[in-house]
Amino acid sequence: MHKYLIICFIIIFTMMSNPISSNAHSSLQGTSPEDGEVVKHSLDIITFKFNSKIKEGSKFTVTDQGGVSREVESVDIQNDVMLGQLSEPLQTGAYTVSYEIISEDSHVVEGEFTFSVDTGETEGSGNESDDSEENQNTDEDQVEQPSEKNQDSATGENNQGKVEDGLSPVVIGIASIAVLAGIGLIWWLLRKKAAE
């Protein structure tokens, strides 16, 4: 009888450990700039916030509307935040950011989001550069503050990465049913053995 109980616990533990590990995959919680945002100043830093720790080796690329890649100078990873420094500030235009991060459980998560930069600058505005720079700094503060608040509350439906090798709720449901069926079968076998 003890033998059947040990087998039962092994089956339950094995079935339940897979869904638990799938929850360790990192998912994107928010970015700065945000998906779809129109930034009113040139920028050279892109920030990613994930729901769990990510590993070194995580990276991202930035391409403009013409498909030209912008050079990423450095990537700094601090727990669940990835901060990327571009070699040059992004000027007016539309940009796509593609990321590939390594979750704490070593699974790769990929995704992308888009944003636009609209500095409102034209050629020959050199005399007004000091005033516009001050206005850009003020706009930057106003844009970044709401975006930081939204990082924690963002559902990130569009930003949600594709998780490789993850378990869906359907698979978890099937696994739960299999566990219950296994427990019922073991209980039936134990009862049958006791009756003999």
N, C-alpha and C. Protein backbone atom coordinates (compact mmCIF):
# COMPACT_ATOMS: atom_id res chain seq x y z
N MET A 1 0.82 -1.20 0.00
CA MET A 1 0.00 0.00 0.00
C MET A 1 0.87 1.26 0.00
N HIS A 2 1.96 1.24 0.78
CA HIS A 2 2.86 2.39 0.81
C HIS A 2 3.49 2.62 -0.56
N LYS A 3 3.71 1.53 -1.27
CA LYS A 3 4.30 1.63 -2.62
C LYS A 3 3.39 2.45 -3.54
N TYR A 4 2.07 2.21 -3.47
CA TYR A 4 1.12 2.94 -4.31
C TYR A 4 1.06 4.42 -3.93
N LEU A 5 1.14 4.70 -2.64
CA LEU A 5 1.11 6.10 -2.20
C LEU A 5 2.34 6.86 -2.69
N ILE A 6 3.50 6.22 -2.66
CA ILE A 6 4.73 6.86 -3.15
C ILE A 6 4.61 7.14 -4.64
N ILE A 7 4.10 6.17 -5.40
CA ILE A 7 3.91 6.37 -6.84
C ILE A 7 2.94 7.52 -7.09
N CYS A 8 1.88 7.58 -6.30
CA CYS A 8 0.88 8.66 -6.43
C CYS A 8 1.53 10.02 -6.23
N PHE A 9 2.33 10.17 -5.19
CA PHE A 9 2.99 11.45 -4.92
C PHE A 9 3.98 11.82 -6.01
N ILE A 10 4.68 10.83 -6.56
CA ILE A 10 5.63 11.10 -7.65
C ILE A 10 4.89 11.60 -8.88
N ILE A 11 3.75 10.97 -9.21
CA ILE A 11 2.97 11.41 -10.37
C ILE A 11 2.46 12.83 -10.17
N ILE A 12 1.91 13.10 -9.00
CA ILE A 12 1.38 14.45 -8.72
C ILE A 12 2.48 15.49 -8.80
N PHE A 13 3.62 15.21 -8.19
CA PHE A 13 4.73 16.16 -8.19
C PHE A 13 5.23 16.44 -9.61
N THR A 14 5.35 15.37 -10.41
CA THR A 14 5.83 15.52 -11.80
C THR A 14 4.86 16.35 -12.63
N MET A 15 3.57 16.07 -12.49
CA MET A 15 2.57 16.78 -13.29
C MET A 15 2.47 18.25 -12.89
N MET A 16 2.63 18.53 -11.62
CA MET A 16 2.47 19.91 -11.14
C MET A 16 3.73 20.74 -11.32
N SER A 17 4.89 20.12 -11.45
CA SER A 17 6.13 20.89 -11.57
C SER A 17 6.25 21.59 -12.92
N ASN A 18 5.70 21.02 -13.99
CA ASN A 18 5.78 21.66 -15.31
C ASN A 18 5.01 22.97 -15.39
N PRO A 19 3.74 23.05 -14.93
CA PRO A 19 3.07 24.34 -14.97
C PRO A 19 3.75 25.39 -14.11
N ILE A 20 4.33 24.99 -12.99
CA ILE A 20 5.01 25.96 -12.14
C ILE A 20 6.21 26.54 -12.85
N SER A 21 6.97 25.70 -13.54
CA SER A 21 8.16 26.21 -14.22
C SER A 21 7.80 27.11 -15.39
N SER A 22 6.62 26.87 -16.01
CA SER A 22 6.25 27.71 -17.15
C SER A 22 5.95 29.14 -16.72
N ASN A 23 5.54 29.33 -15.47
CA ASN A 23 5.26 30.67 -14.98
C ASN A 23 6.51 31.49 -14.75
N ALA A 24 7.68 30.83 -14.82
CA ALA A 24 8.93 31.56 -14.59
C ALA A 24 9.39 32.32 -15.82
N HIS A 25 8.74 32.10 -16.97
CA HIS A 25 9.11 32.84 -18.17
C HIS A 25 8.87 34.32 -17.94
N SER A 26 9.80 35.14 -18.39
CA SER A 26 9.63 36.58 -18.27
C SER A 26 8.69 37.09 -19.36
N SER A 27 7.90 38.10 -19.01
CA SER A 27 7.06 38.77 -20.01
C SER A 27 7.23 40.27 -19.85
N LEU A 28 7.07 40.98 -20.94
CA LEU A 28 7.27 42.42 -20.95
C LEU A 28 6.13 43.12 -20.24
N GLN A 29 6.45 43.97 -19.27
CA GLN A 29 5.44 44.71 -18.51
C GLN A 29 5.27 46.13 -19.03
N GLY A 30 6.34 46.74 -19.53
CA GLY A 30 6.26 48.11 -20.02
C GLY A 30 7.58 48.54 -20.64
N THR A 31 7.51 49.61 -21.41
CA THR A 31 8.71 50.14 -22.05
C THR A 31 8.67 51.66 -21.99
N SER A 32 9.83 52.24 -22.17
CA SER A 32 9.94 53.69 -22.33
C SER A 32 10.88 53.93 -23.50
N PRO A 33 10.35 54.44 -24.63
CA PRO A 33 8.98 54.87 -24.88
C PRO A 33 8.01 53.69 -24.96
N GLU A 34 6.72 53.97 -24.75
CA GLU A 34 5.71 52.93 -24.78
C GLU A 34 5.34 52.56 -26.22
N ASP A 35 4.71 51.40 -26.35
CA ASP A 35 4.24 50.95 -27.66
C ASP A 35 3.23 51.96 -28.21
N GLY A 36 3.48 52.45 -29.44
CA GLY A 36 2.58 53.39 -30.08
C GLY A 36 2.76 54.84 -29.67
N GLU A 37 3.67 55.11 -28.76
CA GLU A 37 3.86 56.48 -28.27
C GLU A 37 4.53 57.36 -29.33
N VAL A 38 4.15 58.64 -29.34
CA VAL A 38 4.82 59.63 -30.17
C VAL A 38 5.66 60.50 -29.24
N VAL A 39 6.98 60.36 -29.35
CA VAL A 39 7.90 61.09 -28.48
C VAL A 39 8.23 62.43 -29.12
N LYS A 40 8.15 63.49 -28.34
CA LYS A 40 8.33 64.84 -28.88
C LYS A 40 9.76 65.35 -28.75
N HIS A 41 10.70 64.49 -28.53
CA HIS A 41 12.11 64.88 -28.42
C HIS A 41 12.97 63.73 -28.95
N SER A 42 14.17 64.06 -29.38
CA SER A 42 15.07 62.99 -29.82
C SER A 42 15.49 62.19 -28.59
N LEU A 43 15.66 60.90 -28.76
CA LEU A 43 16.04 60.07 -27.61
C LEU A 43 17.11 59.08 -28.00
N ASP A 44 17.89 58.66 -27.02
CA ASP A 44 18.94 57.68 -27.28
C ASP A 44 18.98 56.57 -26.24
N ILE A 45 17.93 56.49 -25.40
CA ILE A 45 17.86 55.44 -24.39
C ILE A 45 16.50 54.76 -24.49
N ILE A 46 16.49 53.43 -24.48
CA ILE A 46 15.26 52.66 -24.50
C ILE A 46 15.27 51.73 -23.29
N THR A 47 14.16 51.74 -22.54
CA THR A 47 14.07 50.97 -21.30
C THR A 47 12.98 49.91 -21.42
N PHE A 48 13.29 48.70 -20.94
CA PHE A 48 12.34 47.58 -20.92
C PHE A 48 12.15 47.15 -19.47
N LYS A 49 10.90 46.88 -19.07
CA LYS A 49 10.62 46.37 -17.73
C LYS A 49 9.89 45.04 -17.88
N PHE A 50 10.42 43.99 -17.24
CA PHE A 50 9.83 42.66 -17.32
C PHE A 50 9.25 42.26 -15.97
N ASN A 51 8.47 41.17 -15.95
CA ASN A 51 7.82 40.75 -14.70
C ASN A 51 8.72 39.87 -13.84
N SER A 52 9.88 39.51 -14.34
CA SER A 52 10.82 38.72 -13.54
C SER A 52 12.25 38.99 -14.04
N LYS A 53 13.19 38.48 -13.30
CA LYS A 53 14.61 38.72 -13.61
C LYS A 53 14.97 38.16 -14.99
N ILE A 54 15.82 38.89 -15.70
CA ILE A 54 16.33 38.40 -16.99
C ILE A 54 17.84 38.27 -16.91
N LYS A 55 18.40 37.50 -17.85
CA LYS A 55 19.82 37.18 -17.79
C LYS A 55 20.65 37.99 -18.79
N GLU A 56 21.95 38.03 -18.52
CA GLU A 56 22.89 38.64 -19.47
C GLU A 56 22.81 37.89 -20.79
N GLY A 57 23.02 38.61 -21.87
CA GLY A 57 22.87 38.03 -23.19
C GLY A 57 21.56 38.47 -23.84
N SER A 58 20.68 39.06 -23.04
CA SER A 58 19.44 39.63 -23.60
C SER A 58 19.83 40.83 -24.46
N LYS A 59 19.06 41.05 -25.53
CA LYS A 59 19.44 42.12 -26.47
C LYS A 59 18.22 42.66 -27.19
N PHE A 60 18.42 43.74 -27.96
CA PHE A 60 17.35 44.30 -28.76
C PHE A 60 17.95 45.02 -29.96
N THR A 61 17.10 45.26 -30.97
CA THR A 61 17.51 46.03 -32.14
C THR A 61 16.47 47.12 -32.41
N VAL A 62 16.91 48.20 -33.04
CA VAL A 62 16.02 49.29 -33.41
C VAL A 62 16.17 49.52 -34.91
N THR A 63 15.04 49.51 -35.64
CA THR A 63 15.08 49.79 -37.07
C THR A 63 14.11 50.92 -37.38
N ASP A 64 14.48 51.76 -38.37
CA ASP A 64 13.60 52.86 -38.75
C ASP A 64 12.61 52.39 -39.81
N GLN A 65 11.76 53.32 -40.30
CA GLN A 65 10.72 52.94 -41.26
C GLN A 65 11.28 52.43 -42.58
N GLY A 66 12.54 52.74 -42.85
CA GLY A 66 13.18 52.24 -44.07
C GLY A 66 13.87 50.90 -43.87
N GLY A 67 13.77 50.33 -42.66
CA GLY A 67 14.40 49.04 -42.36
C GLY A 67 15.86 49.13 -42.00
N VAL A 68 16.37 50.37 -41.80
CA VAL A 68 17.78 50.56 -41.46
C VAL A 68 17.95 50.40 -39.95
N SER A 69 18.89 49.55 -39.55
CA SER A 69 19.14 49.33 -38.12
C SER A 69 19.93 50.49 -37.53
N ARG A 70 19.57 50.84 -36.30
CA ARG A 70 20.30 51.86 -35.54
C ARG A 70 21.21 51.14 -34.56
N GLU A 71 22.43 51.60 -34.45
CA GLU A 71 23.42 50.92 -33.62
C GLU A 71 23.10 51.06 -32.13
N VAL A 72 23.11 49.92 -31.44
CA VAL A 72 22.94 49.90 -29.99
C VAL A 72 24.34 49.88 -29.37
N GLU A 73 24.66 50.95 -28.64
CA GLU A 73 26.01 51.09 -28.09
C GLU A 73 26.24 50.16 -26.91
N SER A 74 25.25 50.08 -26.01
CA SER A 74 25.42 49.22 -24.84
C SER A 74 24.07 48.78 -24.30
N VAL A 75 24.07 47.63 -23.62
CA VAL A 75 22.87 47.10 -22.97
C VAL A 75 23.22 46.81 -21.52
N ASP A 76 22.45 47.41 -20.61
CA ASP A 76 22.68 47.22 -19.17
C ASP A 76 21.48 46.49 -18.58
N ILE A 77 21.73 45.36 -17.91
CA ILE A 77 20.66 44.56 -17.33
C ILE A 77 20.77 44.59 -15.82
N GLN A 78 19.68 45.01 -15.18
CA GLN A 78 19.60 45.07 -13.71
C GLN A 78 18.34 44.34 -13.28
N ASN A 79 18.46 43.09 -12.85
CA ASN A 79 17.33 42.27 -12.43
C ASN A 79 16.28 42.15 -13.53
N ASP A 80 15.15 42.88 -13.40
CA ASP A 80 14.06 42.76 -14.38
C ASP A 80 14.00 43.95 -15.34
N VAL A 81 15.05 44.76 -15.39
CA VAL A 81 15.07 45.94 -16.25
C VAL A 81 16.24 45.84 -17.23
N MET A 82 15.96 46.11 -18.51
CA MET A 82 17.01 46.18 -19.52
C MET A 82 17.04 47.61 -20.06
N LEU A 83 18.20 48.24 -19.98
CA LEU A 83 18.38 49.62 -20.42
C LEU A 83 19.35 49.63 -21.59
N GLY A 84 18.90 50.18 -22.72
CA GLY A 84 19.74 50.21 -23.92
C GLY A 84 20.14 51.61 -24.30
N GLN A 85 21.42 51.81 -24.55
CA GLN A 85 21.96 53.11 -24.98
C GLN A 85 22.28 53.04 -26.47
N LEU A 86 21.65 53.92 -27.24
CA LEU A 86 21.92 53.97 -28.68
C LEU A 86 23.14 54.85 -28.94
N SER A 87 23.84 54.58 -30.03
CA SER A 87 25.04 55.35 -30.34
C SER A 87 24.71 56.77 -30.76
N GLU A 88 23.53 56.98 -31.36
CA GLU A 88 23.09 58.33 -31.76
C GLU A 88 21.63 58.52 -31.40
N PRO A 89 21.23 59.75 -31.06
CA PRO A 89 19.81 60.01 -30.76
C PRO A 89 18.94 59.75 -31.99
N LEU A 90 17.75 59.23 -31.76
CA LEU A 90 16.80 58.99 -32.84
C LEU A 90 16.12 60.29 -33.21
N GLN A 91 16.08 60.57 -34.50
CA GLN A 91 15.43 61.79 -34.99
C GLN A 91 14.01 61.47 -35.43
N THR A 92 13.33 62.45 -35.99
CA THR A 92 11.93 62.30 -36.41
C THR A 92 11.77 61.10 -37.33
N GLY A 93 10.78 60.25 -37.03
CA GLY A 93 10.51 59.06 -37.82
C GLY A 93 9.83 57.99 -37.01
N ALA A 94 9.48 56.88 -37.66
CA ALA A 94 8.85 55.73 -37.00
C ALA A 94 9.91 54.65 -36.80
N TYR A 95 9.84 53.97 -35.63
CA TYR A 95 10.85 52.98 -35.27
C TYR A 95 10.19 51.70 -34.73
N THR A 96 10.86 50.59 -35.03
CA THR A 96 10.43 49.28 -34.50
C THR A 96 11.55 48.73 -33.63
N VAL A 97 11.18 48.32 -32.41
CA VAL A 97 12.14 47.73 -31.48
C VAL A 97 11.83 46.24 -31.36
N SER A 98 12.80 45.39 -31.67
CA SER A 98 12.66 43.94 -31.52
C SER A 98 13.59 43.49 -30.41
N TYR A 99 13.06 42.73 -29.45
CA TYR A 99 13.89 42.28 -28.33
C TYR A 99 13.92 40.76 -28.25
N GLU A 100 15.00 40.27 -27.68
CA GLU A 100 15.18 38.83 -27.45
C GLU A 100 15.87 38.70 -26.10
N ILE A 101 15.10 38.31 -25.09
CA ILE A 101 15.66 38.24 -23.73
C ILE A 101 15.70 36.80 -23.25
N ILE A 102 16.55 36.57 -22.27
CA ILE A 102 16.69 35.24 -21.68
C ILE A 102 16.08 35.28 -20.29
N SER A 103 15.00 34.49 -20.08
CA SER A 103 14.32 34.45 -18.79
C SER A 103 15.22 33.85 -17.73
N GLU A 104 14.79 34.00 -16.49
CA GLU A 104 15.54 33.43 -15.38
C GLU A 104 15.64 31.92 -15.49
N ASP A 105 14.62 31.29 -16.14
CA ASP A 105 14.64 29.83 -16.32
C ASP A 105 15.32 29.43 -17.64
N SER A 106 16.03 30.41 -18.26
CA SER A 106 16.84 30.20 -19.47
C SER A 106 16.03 30.05 -20.75
N HIS A 107 14.73 30.26 -20.71
CA HIS A 107 13.93 30.25 -21.94
C HIS A 107 14.06 31.61 -22.63
N VAL A 108 14.04 31.58 -23.96
CA VAL A 108 14.16 32.80 -24.76
C VAL A 108 12.76 33.38 -25.01
N VAL A 109 12.61 34.68 -24.77
CA VAL A 109 11.34 35.37 -25.02
C VAL A 109 11.60 36.46 -26.05
N GLU A 110 10.79 36.49 -27.10
CA GLU A 110 10.95 37.47 -28.17
C GLU A 110 9.69 38.31 -28.31
N GLY A 111 9.85 39.52 -28.81
CA GLY A 111 8.71 40.39 -29.06
C GLY A 111 9.17 41.67 -29.71
N GLU A 112 8.20 42.55 -30.02
CA GLU A 112 8.56 43.82 -30.61
C GLU A 112 7.48 44.86 -30.31
N PHE A 113 7.83 46.12 -30.43
CA PHE A 113 6.87 47.21 -30.31
C PHE A 113 7.35 48.36 -31.19
N THR A 114 6.45 49.31 -31.44
CA THR A 114 6.79 50.43 -32.30
C THR A 114 6.50 51.75 -31.59
N PHE A 115 7.19 52.79 -32.01
CA PHE A 115 6.93 54.13 -31.52
C PHE A 115 7.41 55.11 -32.57
N SER A 116 7.07 56.38 -32.41
CA SER A 116 7.49 57.41 -33.35
C SER A 116 8.18 58.55 -32.61
N VAL A 117 9.07 59.22 -33.30
CA VAL A 117 9.72 60.42 -32.78
C VAL A 117 9.30 61.58 -33.66
N ASP A 118 8.82 62.65 -33.03
CA ASP A 118 8.43 63.85 -33.77
C ASP A 118 9.00 65.05 -33.02
N THR A 119 10.22 65.45 -33.40
CA THR A 119 10.89 66.54 -32.69
C THR A 119 10.38 67.90 -33.14
N GLY A 120 9.72 67.95 -34.29
CA GLY A 120 9.21 69.21 -34.79
C GLY A 120 10.30 70.16 -35.28
N GLU A 121 11.52 69.64 -35.40
CA GLU A 121 12.64 70.48 -35.84
C GLU A 121 12.73 70.49 -37.36
N THR A 122 13.09 71.64 -37.91
CA THR A 122 13.34 71.76 -39.34
C THR A 122 14.73 72.32 -39.55
N GLU A 123 15.25 72.19 -40.76
CA GLU A 123 16.57 72.74 -41.04
C GLU A 123 16.51 74.26 -40.93
N GLY A 124 17.56 74.87 -40.39
CA GLY A 124 17.62 76.32 -40.24
C GLY A 124 17.04 76.79 -38.93
N SER A 125 16.79 75.86 -38.00
CA SER A 125 16.28 76.28 -36.69
C SER A 125 17.41 76.34 -35.67
N GLY A 126 18.63 76.55 -36.15
CA GLY A 126 19.80 76.56 -35.27
C GLY A 126 19.76 77.67 -34.25
N ASN A 127 19.18 78.85 -34.58
CA ASN A 127 19.14 79.96 -33.63
C ASN A 127 18.23 79.67 -32.45
N GLU A 128 17.26 78.80 -32.66
CA GLU A 128 16.33 78.51 -31.59
C GLU A 128 16.68 77.22 -30.86
N SER A 129 17.89 76.70 -31.09
CA SER A 129 18.24 75.40 -30.54
C SER A 129 18.26 75.40 -29.03
N ASP A 130 18.72 76.49 -28.40
CA ASP A 130 18.78 76.52 -26.94
C ASP A 130 17.38 76.48 -26.33
N ASP A 131 16.46 77.29 -26.89
CA ASP A 131 15.10 77.31 -26.36
C ASP A 131 14.42 75.96 -26.57
N SER A 132 14.59 75.38 -27.78
CA SER A 132 13.94 74.10 -28.05
C SER A 132 14.51 73.00 -27.18
N GLU A 133 15.80 73.09 -26.85
CA GLU A 133 16.41 72.07 -26.00
C GLU A 133 15.81 72.11 -24.60
N GLU A 134 15.56 73.33 -24.08
CA GLU A 134 14.93 73.44 -22.78
C GLU A 134 13.51 72.87 -22.82
N ASN A 135 12.78 73.18 -23.89
CA ASN A 135 11.42 72.66 -24.02
C ASN A 135 11.43 71.14 -24.15
N GLN A 136 12.44 70.60 -24.83
CA GLN A 136 12.54 69.15 -24.98
C GLN A 136 12.76 68.50 -23.63
N ASN A 137 13.62 69.10 -22.80
CA ASN A 137 13.87 68.53 -21.47
C ASN A 137 12.60 68.54 -20.64
N THR A 138 11.81 69.62 -20.73
CA THR A 138 10.56 69.68 -19.99
C THR A 138 9.59 68.63 -20.51
N ASP A 139 9.49 68.50 -21.84
CA ASP A 139 8.61 67.49 -22.42
C ASP A 139 9.06 66.09 -22.02
N GLU A 140 10.36 65.88 -21.99
CA GLU A 140 10.90 64.56 -21.63
C GLU A 140 10.47 64.19 -20.23
N ASP A 141 10.56 65.13 -19.29
CA ASP A 141 10.15 64.86 -17.92
C ASP A 141 8.67 64.52 -17.86
N GLN A 142 7.85 65.27 -18.62
CA GLN A 142 6.41 65.05 -18.59
C GLN A 142 6.06 63.72 -19.25
N VAL A 143 6.77 63.33 -20.29
CA VAL A 143 6.47 62.08 -20.98
C VAL A 143 6.93 60.88 -20.16
N GLU A 144 8.10 60.97 -19.55
CA GLU A 144 8.67 59.82 -18.86
C GLU A 144 7.95 59.52 -17.55
N GLN A 145 7.46 60.55 -16.83
CA GLN A 145 6.80 60.30 -15.56
C GLN A 145 5.57 59.43 -15.71
N PRO A 146 4.62 59.76 -16.63
CA PRO A 146 3.47 58.88 -16.78
C PRO A 146 3.88 57.50 -17.25
N SER A 147 4.90 57.43 -18.10
CA SER A 147 5.28 56.14 -18.64
C SER A 147 5.81 55.23 -17.54
N GLU A 148 6.51 55.79 -16.53
CA GLU A 148 7.00 54.97 -15.44
C GLU A 148 5.84 54.44 -14.62
N LYS A 149 4.78 55.27 -14.42
CA LYS A 149 3.63 54.81 -13.66
C LYS A 149 2.90 53.71 -14.41
N ASN A 150 2.87 53.84 -15.73
CA ASN A 150 2.13 52.88 -16.53
C ASN A 150 2.88 51.56 -16.67
N GLN A 151 4.18 51.55 -16.38
CA GLN A 151 4.95 50.31 -16.54
C GLN A 151 4.42 49.23 -15.62
N ASP A 152 4.06 49.60 -14.38
CA ASP A 152 3.61 48.59 -13.44
C ASP A 152 2.19 48.13 -13.74
N SER A 153 1.36 49.07 -14.30
CA SER A 153 -0.03 48.73 -14.52
C SER A 153 -0.30 48.22 -15.92
N ALA A 154 0.70 48.26 -16.80
CA ALA A 154 0.47 47.88 -18.20
C ALA A 154 0.23 46.40 -18.30
N THR A 155 -0.81 46.04 -19.06
CA THR A 155 -1.05 44.61 -19.29
C THR A 155 -0.12 44.10 -20.34
N GLY A 156 0.31 44.99 -21.22
CA GLY A 156 1.30 44.63 -22.23
C GLY A 156 0.79 43.61 -23.22
N GLU A 157 -0.49 43.74 -23.62
CA GLU A 157 -1.04 42.78 -24.57
C GLU A 157 -0.27 42.82 -25.88
N ASN A 158 -0.02 44.05 -26.40
CA ASN A 158 0.75 44.17 -27.64
C ASN A 158 2.22 43.92 -27.39
N ASN A 159 2.68 44.23 -26.15
CA ASN A 159 4.09 44.09 -25.84
C ASN A 159 4.45 42.68 -25.39
N GLN A 160 3.44 41.86 -25.13
CA GLN A 160 3.69 40.55 -24.58
C GLN A 160 4.53 39.74 -25.56
N GLY A 161 5.66 39.18 -25.09
CA GLY A 161 6.55 38.43 -25.97
C GLY A 161 6.02 37.04 -26.25
N LYS A 162 6.58 36.41 -27.26
CA LYS A 162 6.26 35.05 -27.57
C LYS A 162 7.18 34.16 -26.76
N VAL A 163 6.61 33.25 -25.98
CA VAL A 163 7.42 32.40 -25.12
C VAL A 163 7.62 31.07 -25.80
N GLU A 164 8.87 30.67 -25.92
CA GLU A 164 9.17 29.39 -26.54
C GLU A 164 9.07 28.30 -25.49
N ASP A 165 8.50 27.17 -25.86
CA ASP A 165 8.39 26.00 -25.01
C ASP A 165 7.53 26.23 -23.77
N GLY A 166 6.65 27.19 -23.75
CA GLY A 166 5.80 27.45 -22.59
C GLY A 166 4.55 26.58 -22.64
N LEU A 167 3.85 26.42 -21.50
CA LEU A 167 2.64 25.64 -21.45
C LEU A 167 1.45 26.57 -21.46
N SER A 168 0.47 26.26 -22.28
CA SER A 168 -0.73 27.08 -22.35
C SER A 168 -1.70 26.65 -21.25
N PRO A 169 -2.73 27.48 -20.97
CA PRO A 169 -3.73 27.10 -19.97
C PRO A 169 -4.44 25.79 -20.33
N VAL A 170 -4.59 25.51 -21.63
CA VAL A 170 -5.24 24.26 -22.05
C VAL A 170 -4.40 23.07 -21.62
N VAL A 171 -3.08 23.16 -21.82
CA VAL A 171 -2.19 22.05 -21.43
C VAL A 171 -2.21 21.87 -19.91
N ILE A 172 -2.23 22.99 -19.18
CA ILE A 172 -2.27 22.91 -17.72
C ILE A 172 -3.57 22.25 -17.27
N GLY A 173 -4.71 22.59 -17.95
CA GLY A 173 -5.99 21.98 -17.61
C GLY A 173 -5.98 20.48 -17.87
N ILE A 174 -5.42 20.09 -19.01
CA ILE A 174 -5.33 18.66 -19.33
C ILE A 174 -4.46 17.93 -18.32
N ALA A 175 -3.35 18.58 -17.92
CA ALA A 175 -2.46 17.97 -16.92
C ALA A 175 -3.19 17.79 -15.59
N SER A 176 -4.01 18.77 -15.21
CA SER A 176 -4.76 18.67 -13.95
C SER A 176 -5.75 17.51 -14.00
N ILE A 177 -6.44 17.37 -15.15
CA ILE A 177 -7.39 16.27 -15.30
C ILE A 177 -6.66 14.93 -15.23
N ALA A 178 -5.48 14.86 -15.86
CA ALA A 178 -4.70 13.62 -15.83
C ALA A 178 -4.28 13.27 -14.41
N VAL A 179 -3.92 14.30 -13.62
CA VAL A 179 -3.53 14.06 -12.22
C VAL A 179 -4.72 13.50 -11.45
N LEU A 180 -5.90 14.12 -11.62
CA LEU A 180 -7.09 13.65 -10.91
C LEU A 180 -7.44 12.22 -11.33
N ALA A 181 -7.33 11.93 -12.64
CA ALA A 181 -7.61 10.58 -13.12
C ALA A 181 -6.61 9.58 -12.51
N GLY A 182 -5.34 9.99 -12.41
CA GLY A 182 -4.33 9.12 -11.82
C GLY A 182 -4.62 8.83 -10.35
N ILE A 183 -5.03 9.89 -9.62
CA ILE A 183 -5.36 9.69 -8.20
C ILE A 183 -6.55 8.76 -8.06
N GLY A 184 -7.57 8.95 -8.95
CA GLY A 184 -8.75 8.07 -8.89
C GLY A 184 -8.39 6.63 -9.18
N LEU A 185 -7.51 6.42 -10.15
CA LEU A 185 -7.08 5.06 -10.50
C LEU A 185 -6.33 4.41 -9.35
N ILE A 186 -5.43 5.16 -8.72
CA ILE A 186 -4.66 4.61 -7.60
C ILE A 186 -5.59 4.29 -6.42
N TRP A 187 -6.56 5.19 -6.16
CA TRP A 187 -7.51 4.95 -5.07
C TRP A 187 -8.32 3.69 -5.35
N TRP A 188 -8.75 3.49 -6.63
CA TRP A 188 -9.51 2.30 -7.01
C TRP A 188 -8.67 1.04 -6.82
N LEU A 189 -7.37 1.10 -7.24
CA LEU A 189 -6.49 -0.06 -7.08
C LEU A 189 -6.27 -0.40 -5.61
N LEU A 190 -6.10 0.63 -4.77
CA LEU A 190 -5.90 0.39 -3.34
C LEU A 190 -7.14 -0.24 -2.71
N ARG A 191 -8.31 0.25 -3.12
CA ARG A 191 -9.56 -0.29 -2.58
C ARG A 191 -9.76 -1.75 -3.01
N LYS A 192 -9.43 -2.02 -4.26
CA LYS A 192 -9.55 -3.38 -4.80
C LYS A 192 -8.62 -4.32 -4.06
N LYS A 193 -7.39 -3.84 -3.80
CA LYS A 193 -6.39 -4.67 -3.11
C LYS A 193 -6.81 -4.94 -1.68
N ALA A 194 -7.41 -3.92 -1.03
CA ALA A 194 -7.87 -4.07 0.36
C ALA A 194 -9.02 -5.06 0.44
N ALA A 195 -9.86 -5.07 -0.61
CA ALA A 195 -11.01 -5.99 -0.63
C ALA A 195 -10.56 -7.44 -0.76
N GLU A 196 -9.41 -7.64 -1.41
CA GLU A 196 -8.89 -9.00 -1.58
C GLU A 196 -8.32 -9.48 -0.26
